[in-house]
Amino acid sequence: MKRSNAEIVQEYGPFPGADRVHGVSFDGQHVWFASGDKLNAFDPASGKMMRSIDVAAHAGTAFDGKHLFQIAEDRIQKIDPKTGRVLATIPAPGGGGDSGLAWAEGTLWVGQYRNRKIHQIDPETGAILRTIESNRFVTG
């Protein structure tokens, strides 16, 4: 693998009340980040905080083009970003040991840090569709 240095083009924050970032996703307009007890949205052009949703936000955050998905301890919440309402909840495959979340191929991908796995799961049921094993710890 060829390695090269990354170029930092923009930094954001600090954001009041957000000591840590537990997950990040972009919805095409805002950057959403999880900060423990809230999902926060800011404008990437200005860096200005736009809004927050009071919802448990402990690990990965993903966007499917319409909804936000957020790991909250042992579950994944499907959230309407317009209203902030939790529309559905499915079990997280790691039962609280999940470390990251992404949306691709019409499914959710969930990282498990200590187990060194990435699970592709059905976003409606939480059923594991396949698992990829890693020889490294899996973060976001």
N, C-alpha and C. Protein backbone atom coordinates (compact mmCIF):
# COMPACT_ATOMS: atom_id res chain seq x y z
N MET A 1 0.84 -1.16 0.00
CA MET A 1 0.00 0.00 0.00
C MET A 1 0.89 1.23 0.00
N LYS A 2 0.58 2.17 -0.89
CA LYS A 2 1.30 3.42 -0.94
C LYS A 2 0.75 4.38 0.11
N ARG A 3 1.61 5.00 0.87
CA ARG A 3 1.20 5.94 1.90
C ARG A 3 1.54 7.36 1.47
N SER A 4 0.68 8.29 1.89
CA SER A 4 0.95 9.70 1.65
C SER A 4 0.34 10.50 2.80
N ASN A 5 0.83 11.68 3.01
CA ASN A 5 0.32 12.54 4.07
C ASN A 5 -1.00 13.16 3.64
N ALA A 6 -1.92 13.26 4.58
CA ALA A 6 -3.21 13.91 4.33
C ALA A 6 -3.03 15.42 4.46
N GLU A 7 -3.82 16.13 3.70
CA GLU A 7 -3.82 17.59 3.81
C GLU A 7 -5.08 18.02 4.54
N ILE A 8 -4.92 18.70 5.66
CA ILE A 8 -6.06 19.20 6.41
C ILE A 8 -6.51 20.49 5.73
N VAL A 9 -7.76 20.50 5.26
CA VAL A 9 -8.27 21.67 4.54
C VAL A 9 -9.20 22.52 5.40
N GLN A 10 -9.74 21.95 6.47
CA GLN A 10 -10.64 22.70 7.35
C GLN A 10 -10.74 21.98 8.68
N GLU A 11 -10.79 22.74 9.75
CA GLU A 11 -11.06 22.20 11.08
C GLU A 11 -12.27 22.92 11.65
N TYR A 12 -13.07 22.19 12.45
CA TYR A 12 -14.28 22.75 13.04
C TYR A 12 -14.25 22.58 14.55
N GLY A 13 -14.95 23.47 15.24
CA GLY A 13 -15.07 23.37 16.68
C GLY A 13 -14.04 24.26 17.35
N PRO A 14 -13.99 24.26 18.65
CA PRO A 14 -14.82 23.43 19.53
C PRO A 14 -16.28 23.90 19.53
N PHE A 15 -17.15 22.97 19.90
CA PHE A 15 -18.58 23.27 19.99
C PHE A 15 -18.99 23.20 21.46
N PRO A 16 -19.63 24.24 21.98
CA PRO A 16 -20.04 24.25 23.38
C PRO A 16 -20.91 23.04 23.73
N GLY A 17 -20.61 22.38 24.84
CA GLY A 17 -21.38 21.23 25.30
C GLY A 17 -21.04 19.93 24.62
N ALA A 18 -20.12 19.94 23.68
CA ALA A 18 -19.72 18.71 22.98
C ALA A 18 -18.24 18.46 23.25
N ASP A 19 -17.99 17.68 24.30
CA ASP A 19 -16.60 17.39 24.69
C ASP A 19 -15.96 16.34 23.79
N ARG A 20 -16.78 15.44 23.24
CA ARG A 20 -16.27 14.36 22.40
C ARG A 20 -17.17 14.17 21.19
N VAL A 21 -16.58 13.65 20.12
CA VAL A 21 -17.34 13.31 18.92
C VAL A 21 -17.35 11.79 18.81
N HIS A 22 -18.56 11.20 18.75
CA HIS A 22 -18.71 9.74 18.72
C HIS A 22 -19.10 9.20 17.36
N GLY A 23 -19.42 10.06 16.42
CA GLY A 23 -19.80 9.64 15.08
C GLY A 23 -20.03 10.87 14.23
N VAL A 24 -19.82 10.73 12.91
CA VAL A 24 -19.97 11.87 11.99
C VAL A 24 -20.60 11.38 10.69
N SER A 25 -21.50 12.20 10.13
CA SER A 25 -22.09 11.92 8.83
C SER A 25 -22.47 13.24 8.16
N PHE A 26 -22.56 13.22 6.84
CA PHE A 26 -22.91 14.41 6.06
C PHE A 26 -24.19 14.11 5.29
N ASP A 27 -25.17 15.02 5.37
CA ASP A 27 -26.46 14.79 4.70
C ASP A 27 -26.59 15.56 3.39
N GLY A 28 -25.50 16.11 2.90
CA GLY A 28 -25.54 16.90 1.68
C GLY A 28 -25.65 18.39 1.95
N GLN A 29 -26.06 18.73 3.17
CA GLN A 29 -26.19 20.13 3.56
C GLN A 29 -25.47 20.41 4.88
N HIS A 30 -25.69 19.54 5.87
CA HIS A 30 -25.09 19.70 7.19
C HIS A 30 -24.20 18.53 7.55
N VAL A 31 -23.22 18.78 8.39
CA VAL A 31 -22.43 17.73 9.01
C VAL A 31 -23.09 17.44 10.35
N TRP A 32 -23.42 16.17 10.58
CA TRP A 32 -24.03 15.73 11.83
C TRP A 32 -22.96 15.03 12.66
N PHE A 33 -22.93 15.31 13.95
CA PHE A 33 -22.02 14.56 14.81
C PHE A 33 -22.68 14.20 16.13
N ALA A 34 -22.33 13.02 16.62
CA ALA A 34 -22.86 12.49 17.87
C ALA A 34 -21.97 12.96 19.01
N SER A 35 -22.61 13.41 20.10
CA SER A 35 -21.83 13.89 21.24
C SER A 35 -22.32 13.33 22.58
N GLY A 36 -22.80 12.10 22.56
CA GLY A 36 -23.22 11.44 23.80
C GLY A 36 -24.71 11.49 24.04
N ASP A 37 -25.24 12.70 24.25
CA ASP A 37 -26.67 12.83 24.50
C ASP A 37 -27.39 13.68 23.46
N LYS A 38 -26.67 13.97 22.36
CA LYS A 38 -27.26 14.79 21.29
C LYS A 38 -26.65 14.43 19.94
N LEU A 39 -27.44 14.66 18.91
CA LEU A 39 -26.95 14.70 17.54
C LEU A 39 -26.95 16.17 17.17
N ASN A 40 -25.82 16.64 16.68
CA ASN A 40 -25.64 18.06 16.38
C ASN A 40 -25.39 18.25 14.89
N ALA A 41 -25.94 19.32 14.33
CA ALA A 41 -25.74 19.62 12.91
C ALA A 41 -25.09 20.99 12.78
N PHE A 42 -24.03 21.05 11.94
CA PHE A 42 -23.44 22.36 11.66
C PHE A 42 -23.26 22.53 10.16
N ASP A 43 -23.18 23.78 9.75
CA ASP A 43 -22.97 24.16 8.36
C ASP A 43 -21.48 24.07 8.06
N PRO A 44 -21.06 23.20 7.13
CA PRO A 44 -19.63 23.06 6.86
C PRO A 44 -19.01 24.29 6.18
N ALA A 45 -19.82 25.13 5.56
CA ALA A 45 -19.28 26.33 4.92
C ALA A 45 -18.87 27.38 5.96
N SER A 46 -19.71 27.55 6.99
CA SER A 46 -19.45 28.58 8.00
C SER A 46 -18.92 28.02 9.31
N GLY A 47 -19.16 26.72 9.56
CA GLY A 47 -18.81 26.13 10.85
C GLY A 47 -19.82 26.43 11.93
N LYS A 48 -20.91 27.12 11.57
CA LYS A 48 -21.93 27.53 12.54
C LYS A 48 -22.84 26.35 12.91
N MET A 49 -23.05 26.19 14.23
CA MET A 49 -23.97 25.16 14.71
C MET A 49 -25.38 25.55 14.29
N MET A 50 -26.09 24.62 13.67
CA MET A 50 -27.43 24.90 13.15
C MET A 50 -28.53 24.41 14.07
N ARG A 51 -28.35 23.19 14.62
CA ARG A 51 -29.38 22.63 15.51
C ARG A 51 -28.85 21.39 16.19
N SER A 52 -29.60 20.93 17.18
CA SER A 52 -29.29 19.70 17.90
C SER A 52 -30.57 18.91 18.10
N ILE A 53 -30.43 17.60 18.16
CA ILE A 53 -31.55 16.71 18.46
C ILE A 53 -31.19 15.99 19.76
N ASP A 54 -32.07 16.05 20.75
CA ASP A 54 -31.85 15.35 22.02
C ASP A 54 -32.14 13.87 21.83
N VAL A 55 -31.09 13.09 21.63
CA VAL A 55 -31.21 11.65 21.43
C VAL A 55 -29.89 11.02 21.87
N ALA A 56 -29.94 9.83 22.42
CA ALA A 56 -28.71 9.13 22.80
C ALA A 56 -27.84 8.94 21.56
N ALA A 57 -26.57 9.29 21.67
CA ALA A 57 -25.66 9.27 20.51
C ALA A 57 -24.27 8.84 20.99
N HIS A 58 -24.09 7.52 21.19
CA HIS A 58 -22.89 7.00 21.83
C HIS A 58 -21.80 6.53 20.89
N ALA A 59 -22.12 6.24 19.65
CA ALA A 59 -21.09 5.76 18.71
C ALA A 59 -21.48 6.23 17.32
N GLY A 60 -21.27 5.41 16.30
CA GLY A 60 -21.41 5.79 14.91
C GLY A 60 -22.70 6.47 14.50
N THR A 61 -22.59 7.30 13.47
CA THR A 61 -23.70 8.04 12.87
C THR A 61 -23.67 7.80 11.37
N ALA A 62 -24.83 7.58 10.75
CA ALA A 62 -24.88 7.37 9.30
C ALA A 62 -26.12 8.06 8.74
N PHE A 63 -26.09 8.33 7.43
CA PHE A 63 -27.21 8.97 6.73
C PHE A 63 -27.48 8.18 5.46
N ASP A 64 -28.76 7.82 5.23
CA ASP A 64 -29.12 6.99 4.07
C ASP A 64 -29.69 7.80 2.90
N GLY A 65 -29.64 9.12 2.98
CA GLY A 65 -30.24 9.96 1.96
C GLY A 65 -31.54 10.58 2.44
N LYS A 66 -32.12 10.00 3.49
CA LYS A 66 -33.37 10.52 4.04
C LYS A 66 -33.36 10.54 5.58
N HIS A 67 -32.81 9.51 6.19
CA HIS A 67 -32.82 9.35 7.64
C HIS A 67 -31.41 9.28 8.21
N LEU A 68 -31.29 9.67 9.47
CA LEU A 68 -30.06 9.46 10.23
C LEU A 68 -30.19 8.15 10.99
N PHE A 69 -29.10 7.45 11.14
CA PHE A 69 -29.03 6.26 11.98
C PHE A 69 -27.98 6.53 13.03
N GLN A 70 -28.29 6.18 14.27
CA GLN A 70 -27.41 6.50 15.38
C GLN A 70 -27.31 5.34 16.36
N ILE A 71 -26.05 4.93 16.65
CA ILE A 71 -25.85 3.90 17.67
C ILE A 71 -26.06 4.54 19.04
N ALA A 72 -26.89 3.88 19.85
CA ALA A 72 -27.18 4.29 21.22
C ALA A 72 -27.07 3.05 22.09
N GLU A 73 -25.92 2.86 22.70
CA GLU A 73 -25.61 1.69 23.52
C GLU A 73 -25.81 0.40 22.72
N ASP A 74 -26.87 -0.37 22.99
CA ASP A 74 -27.04 -1.68 22.36
C ASP A 74 -28.06 -1.67 21.23
N ARG A 75 -28.38 -0.48 20.72
CA ARG A 75 -29.38 -0.38 19.66
C ARG A 75 -28.98 0.68 18.62
N ILE A 76 -29.65 0.60 17.48
CA ILE A 76 -29.46 1.59 16.42
C ILE A 76 -30.81 2.25 16.20
N GLN A 77 -30.81 3.58 16.28
CA GLN A 77 -32.04 4.35 16.12
C GLN A 77 -32.11 4.95 14.72
N LYS A 78 -33.27 4.87 14.10
CA LYS A 78 -33.54 5.53 12.82
C LYS A 78 -34.26 6.82 13.15
N ILE A 79 -33.69 7.96 12.72
CA ILE A 79 -34.16 9.28 13.14
C ILE A 79 -34.53 10.13 11.94
N ASP A 80 -35.67 10.79 12.04
CA ASP A 80 -36.07 11.77 11.02
C ASP A 80 -35.32 13.06 11.34
N PRO A 81 -34.37 13.50 10.47
CA PRO A 81 -33.60 14.70 10.79
C PRO A 81 -34.42 15.98 10.79
N LYS A 82 -35.56 15.99 10.13
CA LYS A 82 -36.41 17.19 10.11
C LYS A 82 -37.13 17.40 11.44
N THR A 83 -37.66 16.31 12.00
CA THR A 83 -38.46 16.41 13.23
C THR A 83 -37.67 16.02 14.49
N GLY A 84 -36.60 15.24 14.30
CA GLY A 84 -35.83 14.73 15.44
C GLY A 84 -36.46 13.51 16.08
N ARG A 85 -37.54 13.03 15.50
CA ARG A 85 -38.26 11.87 16.05
C ARG A 85 -37.56 10.56 15.73
N VAL A 86 -37.46 9.67 16.72
CA VAL A 86 -36.95 8.32 16.50
C VAL A 86 -38.08 7.52 15.87
N LEU A 87 -37.87 7.05 14.64
CA LEU A 87 -38.91 6.35 13.88
C LEU A 87 -38.90 4.86 14.12
N ALA A 88 -37.72 4.30 14.40
CA ALA A 88 -37.59 2.86 14.60
C ALA A 88 -36.30 2.59 15.36
N THR A 89 -36.24 1.42 15.96
CA THR A 89 -35.04 0.98 16.67
C THR A 89 -34.80 -0.48 16.33
N ILE A 90 -33.54 -0.82 16.05
CA ILE A 90 -33.15 -2.20 15.81
C ILE A 90 -31.98 -2.53 16.75
N PRO A 91 -31.76 -3.81 17.04
CA PRO A 91 -30.63 -4.15 17.91
C PRO A 91 -29.31 -3.94 17.19
N ALA A 92 -28.32 -3.46 17.92
CA ALA A 92 -26.97 -3.35 17.37
C ALA A 92 -26.30 -4.72 17.52
N PRO A 93 -25.56 -5.17 16.53
CA PRO A 93 -25.02 -6.54 16.58
C PRO A 93 -24.03 -6.78 17.71
N GLY A 94 -23.36 -5.73 18.19
CA GLY A 94 -22.37 -5.90 19.25
C GLY A 94 -22.93 -5.78 20.65
N GLY A 95 -24.24 -5.56 20.78
CA GLY A 95 -24.86 -5.48 22.09
C GLY A 95 -24.24 -4.43 22.99
N GLY A 96 -23.80 -3.31 22.43
CA GLY A 96 -23.18 -2.25 23.21
C GLY A 96 -21.69 -2.12 22.94
N GLY A 97 -21.11 -3.03 22.18
CA GLY A 97 -19.68 -2.98 21.84
C GLY A 97 -19.43 -2.49 20.43
N ASP A 98 -20.37 -1.76 19.88
CA ASP A 98 -20.25 -1.28 18.49
C ASP A 98 -19.49 0.04 18.46
N SER A 99 -18.70 0.24 17.40
CA SER A 99 -17.79 1.38 17.37
C SER A 99 -17.96 2.32 16.19
N GLY A 100 -18.69 1.95 15.20
CA GLY A 100 -18.83 2.82 14.04
C GLY A 100 -20.02 2.41 13.19
N LEU A 101 -20.47 3.31 12.32
CA LEU A 101 -21.65 3.06 11.51
C LEU A 101 -21.50 3.77 10.18
N ALA A 102 -21.91 3.09 9.11
CA ALA A 102 -21.89 3.69 7.77
C ALA A 102 -23.08 3.14 6.99
N TRP A 103 -23.46 3.88 5.95
CA TRP A 103 -24.53 3.46 5.04
C TRP A 103 -23.91 3.22 3.68
N ALA A 104 -24.15 2.05 3.09
CA ALA A 104 -23.68 1.75 1.73
C ALA A 104 -24.46 0.55 1.21
N GLU A 105 -24.68 0.53 -0.10
CA GLU A 105 -25.33 -0.60 -0.76
C GLU A 105 -26.72 -0.89 -0.19
N GLY A 106 -27.41 0.15 0.32
CA GLY A 106 -28.74 -0.02 0.86
C GLY A 106 -28.79 -0.69 2.22
N THR A 107 -27.64 -0.80 2.88
CA THR A 107 -27.58 -1.44 4.18
C THR A 107 -26.70 -0.64 5.14
N LEU A 108 -26.77 -1.00 6.41
CA LEU A 108 -25.90 -0.41 7.41
C LEU A 108 -24.68 -1.30 7.61
N TRP A 109 -23.56 -0.68 7.87
CA TRP A 109 -22.31 -1.37 8.17
C TRP A 109 -21.89 -0.94 9.56
N VAL A 110 -21.70 -1.90 10.45
CA VAL A 110 -21.44 -1.62 11.86
C VAL A 110 -20.08 -2.19 12.25
N GLY A 111 -19.22 -1.33 12.78
CA GLY A 111 -17.91 -1.77 13.24
C GLY A 111 -17.97 -2.22 14.69
N GLN A 112 -17.16 -3.24 15.00
CA GLN A 112 -16.99 -3.70 16.38
C GLN A 112 -15.51 -3.61 16.70
N TYR A 113 -15.17 -2.67 17.55
CA TYR A 113 -13.78 -2.36 17.87
C TYR A 113 -13.00 -3.57 18.38
N ARG A 114 -13.38 -4.08 19.53
CA ARG A 114 -12.62 -5.16 20.17
C ARG A 114 -12.72 -6.49 19.44
N ASN A 115 -13.88 -6.76 18.85
CA ASN A 115 -14.06 -8.03 18.12
C ASN A 115 -13.41 -8.02 16.74
N ARG A 116 -12.96 -6.83 16.32
CA ARG A 116 -12.28 -6.68 15.02
C ARG A 116 -13.14 -7.21 13.86
N LYS A 117 -14.39 -6.75 13.86
CA LYS A 117 -15.34 -7.17 12.82
C LYS A 117 -16.10 -5.98 12.27
N ILE A 118 -16.58 -6.15 11.04
CA ILE A 118 -17.51 -5.21 10.42
C ILE A 118 -18.70 -6.05 9.96
N HIS A 119 -19.89 -5.69 10.42
CA HIS A 119 -21.11 -6.41 10.05
C HIS A 119 -21.91 -5.58 9.07
N GLN A 120 -22.39 -6.21 8.02
CA GLN A 120 -23.37 -5.60 7.13
C GLN A 120 -24.72 -6.06 7.67
N ILE A 121 -25.61 -5.10 8.00
CA ILE A 121 -26.89 -5.49 8.59
C ILE A 121 -28.07 -4.89 7.82
N ASP A 122 -29.19 -5.57 7.94
CA ASP A 122 -30.44 -5.11 7.35
C ASP A 122 -30.95 -3.93 8.19
N PRO A 123 -31.18 -2.75 7.58
CA PRO A 123 -31.60 -1.58 8.35
C PRO A 123 -33.02 -1.67 8.90
N GLU A 124 -33.81 -2.60 8.42
CA GLU A 124 -35.18 -2.76 8.91
C GLU A 124 -35.27 -3.70 10.10
N THR A 125 -34.43 -4.76 10.09
CA THR A 125 -34.56 -5.79 11.12
C THR A 125 -33.34 -5.90 12.04
N GLY A 126 -32.18 -5.43 11.58
CA GLY A 126 -30.95 -5.59 12.34
C GLY A 126 -30.27 -6.93 12.08
N ALA A 127 -30.85 -7.76 11.21
CA ALA A 127 -30.26 -9.07 10.91
C ALA A 127 -28.88 -8.89 10.26
N ILE A 128 -27.93 -9.69 10.67
CA ILE A 128 -26.59 -9.65 10.09
C ILE A 128 -26.63 -10.36 8.74
N LEU A 129 -26.23 -9.65 7.69
CA LEU A 129 -26.22 -10.19 6.34
C LEU A 129 -24.88 -10.82 6.00
N ARG A 130 -23.80 -10.23 6.49
CA ARG A 130 -22.47 -10.81 6.35
C ARG A 130 -21.52 -10.12 7.32
N THR A 131 -20.38 -10.77 7.54
CA THR A 131 -19.39 -10.26 8.48
C THR A 131 -18.03 -10.29 7.82
N ILE A 132 -17.30 -9.21 7.99
CA ILE A 132 -15.92 -9.13 7.52
C ILE A 132 -15.03 -9.09 8.76
N GLU A 133 -14.08 -10.01 8.83
CA GLU A 133 -13.14 -10.07 9.96
C GLU A 133 -11.93 -9.21 9.61
N SER A 134 -11.36 -8.58 10.61
CA SER A 134 -10.18 -7.73 10.44
C SER A 134 -9.07 -8.19 11.37
N ASN A 135 -7.82 -7.90 11.01
CA ASN A 135 -6.72 -8.19 11.92
C ASN A 135 -6.35 -6.95 12.73
N ARG A 136 -7.19 -5.93 12.65
CA ARG A 136 -6.97 -4.67 13.38
C ARG A 136 -8.25 -4.30 14.12
N PHE A 137 -8.10 -3.45 15.14
CA PHE A 137 -9.27 -2.92 15.81
C PHE A 137 -10.06 -2.08 14.83
N VAL A 138 -11.38 -2.14 14.91
CA VAL A 138 -12.26 -1.42 13.98
C VAL A 138 -12.87 -0.22 14.71
N THR A 139 -12.59 0.97 14.20
CA THR A 139 -13.19 2.18 14.76
C THR A 139 -14.26 2.68 13.79
N GLY A 140 -14.51 3.97 13.73
CA GLY A 140 -15.57 4.52 12.92
C GLY A 140 -15.45 4.28 11.45
